[in-house]
Protein backbone atom coordinates (compact mmCIF):
# COMPACT_ATOMS: atom_id res chain seq x y z
CA UNK A 1 -1.61 -15.90 33.76
CA UNK A 2 -3.26 -12.52 33.32
CA UNK A 3 -4.54 -11.57 29.87
CA UNK A 4 -6.62 -8.74 28.41
CA UNK A 5 -9.35 -10.17 26.16
CA UNK A 6 -11.86 -8.65 23.76
CA UNK A 7 -15.43 -9.96 24.11
CA UNK A 8 -17.25 -7.97 21.44
CA UNK A 9 -18.85 -4.52 21.44
CA UNK A 10 -16.85 -2.34 23.80
CA UNK A 11 -16.15 -5.13 26.28
CA UNK A 12 -12.52 -5.79 27.18
CA UNK A 13 -11.65 -7.65 30.38
CA UNK A 14 -8.47 -8.48 32.29
CA UNK A 15 -8.81 -12.15 33.23
CA UNK A 16 -6.93 -15.06 34.72
CA UNK A 17 -6.45 -17.58 31.94
CA UNK A 18 -4.30 -20.67 31.36
CA UNK A 19 -0.89 -19.93 29.88
CA UNK A 20 -0.64 -20.92 26.20
CA UNK A 21 0.95 -24.23 25.21
CA UNK A 22 3.30 -24.27 22.24
CA UNK A 23 1.88 -27.43 20.68
CA UNK A 24 4.94 -28.15 18.53
CA UNK A 25 4.83 -25.14 16.20
CA UNK A 26 6.26 -21.64 16.50
CA UNK A 27 7.68 -20.21 19.73
CA UNK A 28 6.42 -19.54 23.21
CA UNK A 29 7.39 -16.00 24.13
CA UNK A 30 7.43 -14.38 27.55
CA UNK A 31 6.05 -10.93 26.86
CA UNK A 32 8.09 -8.15 28.44
CA UNK A 33 6.07 -5.20 27.17
CA UNK A 34 3.28 -4.32 24.77
CA UNK A 35 2.32 -0.76 23.89
CA UNK A 36 -1.19 0.55 23.29
CA UNK A 37 -1.87 1.43 19.65
CA UNK A 38 -4.41 3.89 18.26
CA UNK A 39 -6.23 0.87 16.81
CA UNK A 40 -6.46 -0.60 20.32
CA UNK A 41 -7.92 2.67 21.58
CA UNK A 42 -10.54 2.64 18.79
CA UNK A 43 -11.48 -0.89 19.85
CA UNK A 44 -11.77 0.30 23.45
CA UNK A 45 -13.98 3.25 22.45
CA UNK A 46 -16.05 1.84 19.59
CA UNK A 47 -15.57 -1.94 19.46
CA UNK A 48 -14.10 -3.85 16.53
CA UNK A 49 -15.71 -6.08 13.94
CA UNK A 50 -12.23 -7.22 12.82
CA UNK A 51 -11.28 -8.80 16.15
CA UNK A 52 -12.25 -12.34 17.12
CA UNK A 53 -14.42 -12.66 20.20
CA UNK A 54 -12.36 -13.83 23.18
CA UNK A 55 -9.09 -12.78 21.55
CA UNK A 56 -6.16 -11.55 23.67
CA UNK A 57 -5.39 -8.15 22.17
CA UNK A 58 -2.15 -6.19 21.72
CA UNK A 59 0.30 -6.27 18.82
CA UNK A 60 3.22 -3.90 19.59
CA UNK A 61 5.34 -6.39 21.50
CA UNK A 62 8.77 -7.16 22.86
CA UNK A 63 9.50 -10.48 24.51
CA UNK A 64 11.91 -13.35 25.15
CA UNK A 65 11.69 -16.84 23.65
CA UNK A 66 11.19 -19.48 26.35
CA UNK A 67 10.36 -22.46 24.14
CA UNK A 68 11.06 -23.03 20.46
CA UNK A 69 9.79 -25.65 18.05
CA UNK A 70 12.48 -27.37 15.94
CA UNK A 71 13.13 -26.52 12.32
CA UNK A 72 12.11 -22.86 12.28
CA UNK A 73 14.01 -20.47 9.98
CA UNK A 74 15.92 -17.47 11.27
CA UNK A 75 18.47 -19.08 13.58
CA UNK A 76 16.56 -18.27 16.78
CA UNK A 77 17.36 -19.80 20.17
CA UNK A 78 15.67 -20.01 23.55
CA UNK A 79 16.51 -16.84 25.45
CA UNK A 80 16.56 -14.57 22.40
CA UNK A 81 14.80 -11.23 22.74
CA UNK A 82 12.38 -10.76 19.84
CA UNK A 83 9.65 -8.65 18.33
CA UNK A 84 7.58 -9.12 15.22
CA UNK A 85 5.66 -7.49 12.41
CA UNK A 86 2.18 -8.45 13.63
CA UNK A 87 0.41 -8.56 10.24
CA UNK A 88 1.21 -12.02 8.84
CA UNK A 89 0.68 -12.68 5.16
CA UNK A 90 -0.13 -16.02 3.55
CA UNK A 91 2.85 -15.88 1.18
CA UNK A 92 0.78 -17.13 -1.77
CA UNK A 93 -1.67 -14.42 -2.89
CA UNK A 94 -0.89 -11.72 -5.46
CA UNK A 95 -0.06 -9.05 -2.84
CA UNK A 96 2.30 -11.35 -0.95
CA UNK A 97 4.08 -12.37 -4.16
CA UNK A 98 4.58 -8.65 -4.92
CA UNK A 99 6.14 -8.12 -1.49
CA UNK A 100 3.13 -6.32 0.02
CA UNK A 101 2.44 -8.94 2.67
CA UNK A 102 0.53 -6.37 4.72
CA UNK A 103 -2.05 -6.33 1.88
CA UNK A 104 -2.51 -10.11 1.96
CA UNK A 105 -5.93 -11.45 0.95
CA UNK A 106 -5.83 -13.75 3.99
CA UNK A 107 -4.01 -11.45 6.39
CA UNK A 108 -3.93 -12.69 10.00
CA UNK A 109 -2.72 -10.30 12.70
CA UNK A 110 -1.54 -10.74 16.26
CA UNK A 111 -4.14 -9.38 18.64
CA UNK A 112 -6.90 -9.76 16.03
CA UNK A 113 -6.79 -13.30 14.60
CA UNK A 114 -3.97 -14.62 16.82
CA UNK A 115 -3.72 -14.02 20.57
CA UNK A 116 -1.58 -10.96 21.17
CA UNK A 117 0.69 -9.29 23.66
CA UNK A 118 -1.41 -7.97 26.55
CA UNK A 119 -0.63 -11.14 28.47
CA UNK A 120 2.28 -12.73 30.29
CA UNK A 121 2.94 -15.19 27.47
CA UNK A 122 2.07 -15.45 23.77
CA UNK A 123 2.68 -17.96 21.02
CA UNK A 124 4.39 -16.53 17.95
CA UNK A 125 2.93 -18.81 15.25
CA UNK A 126 5.03 -20.89 12.87
CA UNK A 127 3.66 -18.85 9.95
CA UNK A 128 5.24 -15.70 11.41
CA UNK A 129 8.67 -17.36 11.30
CA UNK A 130 8.14 -18.76 7.80
CA UNK A 131 7.13 -15.30 6.51
CA UNK A 132 10.05 -13.53 8.22
CA UNK A 133 7.83 -11.51 10.56
CA UNK A 134 9.82 -12.39 13.70
CA UNK A 135 13.12 -10.60 14.25
CA UNK A 136 15.74 -10.49 16.99
CA UNK A 137 16.17 -7.41 19.15
CA UNK A 138 19.60 -5.92 19.91
CA UNK A 139 21.16 -6.80 23.28
CA UNK A 140 20.25 -3.64 25.18
CA UNK A 141 19.42 -3.17 28.89
CA UNK A 142 15.86 -2.01 28.17
CA UNK A 143 13.98 -3.62 25.25
CA UNK A 144 10.73 -1.79 26.06
CA UNK A 145 11.24 1.09 23.55
CA UNK A 146 11.34 -1.49 20.75
CA UNK A 147 7.58 -1.93 21.19
CA UNK A 148 7.47 1.28 19.13
CA UNK A 149 9.12 -0.43 16.16
CA UNK A 150 5.72 -1.46 14.81
CA UNK A 151 4.08 2.00 14.77
CA UNK A 152 7.28 3.47 13.33
CA UNK A 153 7.21 0.78 10.63
CA UNK A 154 3.70 1.91 9.68
CA UNK A 155 5.01 5.47 9.38
CA UNK A 156 7.86 4.23 7.18
CA UNK A 157 5.28 2.44 5.01
CA UNK A 158 3.23 5.63 4.61
CA UNK A 159 6.21 7.80 3.76
CA UNK A 160 7.50 5.28 1.22
CA UNK A 161 4.66 6.49 -1.03
CA UNK A 162 5.14 10.18 -0.21
CA UNK A 163 8.84 10.37 -1.19
CA UNK A 164 9.56 13.41 0.97
CA UNK A 165 12.59 15.43 -0.14
CA UNK A 166 14.82 17.99 1.52
CA UNK A 167 13.32 21.47 1.48
CA UNK A 168 9.72 20.33 1.11
CA UNK A 169 6.92 21.48 3.39
CA UNK A 170 5.09 18.72 5.28
CA UNK A 171 1.83 19.34 7.16
CA UNK A 172 0.84 16.71 9.73
CA UNK A 173 -2.65 16.66 11.19
CA UNK A 174 -2.58 15.23 14.71
CA UNK A 175 0.20 15.30 17.31
CA UNK A 176 -0.24 11.86 18.83
CA UNK A 177 2.57 9.33 18.72
CA UNK A 178 2.01 8.69 15.00
CA UNK A 179 2.06 12.40 14.17
CA UNK A 180 5.24 12.84 16.20
CA UNK A 181 6.94 9.92 14.47
CA UNK A 182 5.91 11.27 11.07
CA UNK A 183 7.46 14.59 12.08
CA UNK A 184 10.73 12.99 13.18
CA UNK A 185 11.02 10.92 10.01
CA UNK A 186 10.14 13.85 7.72
CA UNK A 187 12.65 16.13 9.45
CA UNK A 188 15.32 13.45 9.06
CA UNK A 189 14.72 13.80 5.29
CA UNK A 190 15.35 17.56 5.51
CA UNK A 191 11.71 18.68 5.32
CA UNK A 192 10.13 21.66 7.08
CA UNK A 193 7.34 20.33 9.30
CA UNK A 194 4.06 21.81 10.53
CA UNK A 195 1.77 19.99 12.96
CA UNK A 196 -1.91 20.88 13.22
CA UNK A 197 -3.35 20.06 16.65
CA UNK A 198 -6.48 21.72 18.10
CA UNK A 199 -5.95 20.33 21.64
CA UNK A 200 -3.72 22.58 23.69
CA UNK A 201 -2.46 19.84 26.01
CA UNK A 202 -1.48 17.63 23.09
CA UNK A 203 0.35 20.56 21.47
CA UNK A 204 2.21 21.09 24.72
CA UNK A 205 3.16 17.39 25.03
CA UNK A 206 4.40 17.15 21.46
CA UNK A 207 6.12 20.54 21.59
CA UNK A 208 8.29 19.37 24.48
CA UNK A 209 9.49 16.39 22.42
CA UNK A 210 9.94 17.82 18.92
CA UNK A 211 12.50 20.42 17.88
CA UNK A 212 12.11 22.62 14.83
CA UNK A 213 8.41 21.94 14.27
CA UNK A 214 5.81 24.70 13.82
CA UNK A 215 2.53 24.00 15.63
CA UNK A 216 -0.83 25.26 14.40
CA UNK A 217 -3.91 25.27 16.61
CA UNK A 218 -6.22 23.83 13.97
CA UNK A 219 -9.72 25.25 13.83
CA UNK A 220 -8.76 28.18 16.03
CA UNK A 221 -6.68 29.60 13.16
CA UNK A 222 -8.05 27.83 10.08
CA UNK A 223 -5.49 25.10 9.51
CA UNK A 224 -5.34 24.98 5.70
CA UNK A 225 -5.36 28.76 5.41
CA UNK A 226 -2.52 29.06 7.94
CA UNK A 227 -0.39 26.43 6.23
CA UNK A 228 -0.83 28.19 2.89
CA UNK A 229 0.18 31.49 4.51
CA UNK A 230 3.24 30.00 6.19
CA UNK A 231 4.40 28.45 2.91
CA UNK A 232 4.24 31.76 1.05
CA UNK A 233 0.94 30.98 -0.65
CA UNK A 234 2.18 27.71 -2.15
CA UNK A 235 0.71 25.18 0.28
CA UNK A 236 2.29 22.04 1.68
CA UNK A 237 4.04 19.58 -0.61
CA UNK A 238 2.84 16.73 1.61
CA UNK A 239 -0.08 16.45 4.03
CA UNK A 240 -0.53 13.53 6.43
CA UNK A 241 -3.82 12.87 8.20
CA UNK A 242 -2.28 11.20 11.25
CA UNK A 243 -5.48 11.01 13.27
CA UNK A 244 -8.89 9.36 12.93
CA UNK A 245 -10.81 12.46 11.87
CA UNK A 246 -12.48 13.16 8.54
CA UNK A 247 -11.84 16.86 9.04
CA UNK A 248 -8.08 16.16 9.06
CA UNK A 249 -8.38 14.50 5.65
CA UNK A 250 -10.41 17.43 4.31
CA UNK A 251 -8.10 20.09 5.73
CA UNK A 252 -5.03 18.16 4.61
CA UNK A 253 -6.27 18.15 1.03
CA UNK A 254 -7.12 21.86 1.17
CA UNK A 255 -3.68 22.73 2.52
CA UNK A 256 -1.79 21.11 -0.36
CA UNK A 257 0.16 22.78 -3.13
CA UNK A 258 -0.49 21.76 -6.72
CA UNK A 259 0.94 18.27 -7.36
CA UNK A 260 0.99 17.69 -3.60
CA UNK A 261 0.69 14.28 -1.93
CA UNK A 262 -1.86 13.32 0.75
CA UNK A 263 -1.54 10.34 3.10
CA UNK A 264 -4.75 9.06 4.67
CA UNK A 265 -2.91 7.44 7.57
CA UNK A 266 -5.63 7.49 10.24
CA UNK A 267 -8.50 5.10 9.61
CA UNK A 268 -11.99 6.46 10.31
CA UNK A 269 -14.79 4.85 12.33
CA UNK A 270 -17.75 3.92 10.13
CA UNK A 271 -17.70 4.04 6.34
CA UNK A 272 -15.26 6.97 6.02
CA UNK A 273 -17.12 8.51 3.10
CA UNK A 274 -17.56 12.12 2.04
CA UNK A 275 -14.46 14.04 3.17
CA UNK A 276 -12.40 14.53 -0.02
CA UNK A 277 -13.10 16.96 -2.87
CA UNK A 278 -12.48 14.85 -6.01
CA UNK A 279 -12.45 17.92 -8.29
CA UNK A 280 -9.66 19.46 -6.21
CA UNK A 281 -7.70 16.22 -6.52
CA UNK A 282 -8.34 16.18 -10.27
CA UNK A 283 -7.55 19.77 -11.21
CA UNK A 284 -4.57 20.22 -8.88
CA UNK A 285 -3.07 16.80 -9.73
CA UNK A 286 -3.03 15.65 -6.13
CA UNK A 287 -1.75 12.19 -5.24
CA UNK A 288 -3.77 10.44 -2.51
CA UNK A 289 -2.32 7.41 -0.72
CA UNK A 290 -3.69 4.97 1.79
CA UNK A 291 -1.64 2.90 4.21
CA UNK A 292 -2.34 -0.18 6.26
CA UNK A 293 0.05 -1.92 8.66
CA UNK A 294 3.61 -2.67 7.49
CA UNK A 295 5.88 -5.34 6.09
CA UNK A 296 8.51 -7.37 7.97
CA UNK A 297 11.27 -5.43 6.18
CA UNK A 298 9.77 -2.12 7.33
CA UNK A 299 9.63 -3.39 10.93
CA UNK A 300 13.30 -4.30 10.80
CA UNK A 301 14.12 -0.89 9.33
CA UNK A 302 12.19 0.77 12.15
CA UNK A 303 14.02 -1.26 14.77
CA UNK A 304 17.36 -0.21 13.26
CA UNK A 305 16.34 3.46 13.32
CA UNK A 306 15.48 3.13 17.01
CA UNK A 307 18.60 1.16 17.86
CA UNK A 308 20.86 3.66 16.06
CA UNK A 309 19.29 6.56 17.94
CA UNK A 310 18.27 8.32 14.73
CA UNK A 311 14.77 8.28 16.23
CA UNK A 312 14.50 8.28 20.02
CA UNK A 313 11.55 6.04 20.89
CA UNK A 314 12.01 6.31 24.62
CA UNK A 315 11.11 9.98 24.75
CA UNK A 316 7.65 9.23 23.32
CA UNK A 317 6.74 6.75 26.07
CA UNK A 318 4.75 8.80 28.55
CA UNK A 319 4.14 6.11 31.14
CA UNK A 320 4.67 2.43 31.84
CA UNK A 321 1.85 0.47 33.48
CA UNK A 322 1.89 -3.02 35.02
CA UNK A 323 -0.48 -5.46 33.36
CA UNK A 324 -2.71 -5.32 36.45
CA UNK A 325 -3.36 -1.63 35.66
CA UNK A 326 -4.13 -2.04 31.96
CA UNK A 327 -7.64 -0.62 32.38
CA UNK A 328 -6.12 2.61 33.68
CA UNK A 329 -3.64 2.60 30.81
CA UNK A 330 -6.43 2.31 28.23
CA UNK A 331 -8.55 4.95 29.95
CA UNK A 332 -5.69 7.46 30.03
CA UNK A 333 -4.69 6.66 26.44
CA UNK A 334 -8.30 7.18 25.30
CA UNK A 335 -8.48 10.49 27.18
CA UNK A 336 -5.26 11.66 25.54
CA UNK A 337 -3.59 12.39 28.86
CA UNK A 338 -0.61 10.23 27.83
CA UNK A 339 1.14 10.31 24.45
CA UNK A 340 2.17 6.64 24.48
CA UNK A 341 1.21 4.08 27.11
CA UNK A 342 3.20 0.87 27.45
CA UNK A 343 2.05 -2.13 29.47
CA UNK A 344 5.02 -3.83 31.10
CA UNK A 345 5.02 -7.39 32.40
CA UNK A 346 7.41 -8.80 34.96
CA UNK A 347 10.94 -8.48 33.65
CA UNK A 348 12.45 -11.80 32.67
C-alpha cells in the first residue's frame, strides 16, 4: 500500500509499504480520508521532535473497519464507518482519572506514536477502544467531512475554558480552518466575532465562508487598537490566538477588556517564550488558557455538531487530493492557498 512516512528533520516521503496486520488486537481500518492538520504542516515546514522516525503520519481520519479483534468494547462490527480521537490516554495517571485524557502523562497519538491515516490502511489499537477513543460515524453518503471532527473537538476543548456568552465580543487571530471553526462556534453562542488576518487572500477565503464576522487586516490597521475601537473602547471579552505566531498572542492580550480571557490555541515553533506582558495580565485580571488536543467526549460532540448541520464542515474543505498527490496537498496547505486539504483514498 501507499503510505506517507516521517523520517526526521523535514523529510516526509510517500512510499510503498506492506499493509498492516492486525495481530489479534484492535481493528484494521480501511482509511477513506485523512485531512491535513496545522500540526502536520508544522512538521512539513520545521520537522517534529515529537514524531517517531519512520512513522506514518496523519490523525484526522475517517475509515471503515475491515477486520476486528474479538472482545472489544463499543459494539463495533466489520463494515462500520468510524473515526477516533487520536490522542489516547493511559487511563491510569492523574489527568486520565480526572477525565483529561488528552493531558495524559503517557499520551500516545495516532500519527505520532502510532501509525496514522495518510495510508490505505491503519490499525486502530486496542487501547483506543478501551479508552473510548473510537466512535461510529453516522450512515451518510459522504463521510469525508467527518475528518474535521478532530479539529472541531480541539476548538470545543479551547472554548470550554473560555465560557463565551451571548453578547460578548470575541477576537480571533488567524483565519485558517481553526480560526473559522472558532468563529462558527462562538457565533453559535451569540457572540459578536472579529477575525484578525493580515493576509488578503486568507481574508477573502474566510470571508466567503463566514457570515456576520468583521475582518481586520492585522498590522495594516493595528489589530488591538482596532478591536478596542470597534468595541467602544472596552476591548474584546475573549481573544483566541488561532495561529502559530507569537505576535497573535501579544496582540490578543493587548486587545482584551479587563477580566478578559485569552486562549493560546496555536502552538509556537521553538520555546515560545517572551510574548505575554505578565503585568497586564496581573493588573487587568486576565485569564490565560492553554489547550492541547481533545478528549473522546469532545470528539463525539464535534461529530454531532457536524452531523446536525449546526456547523457545516464541508464548506471548509477547499480541495480533495488522492493519496498519490499528497506532496502537492502539503505544499499547497503550507503555502496557504487552500483553507483545508483532505487526502482521499479509494472509496470502499
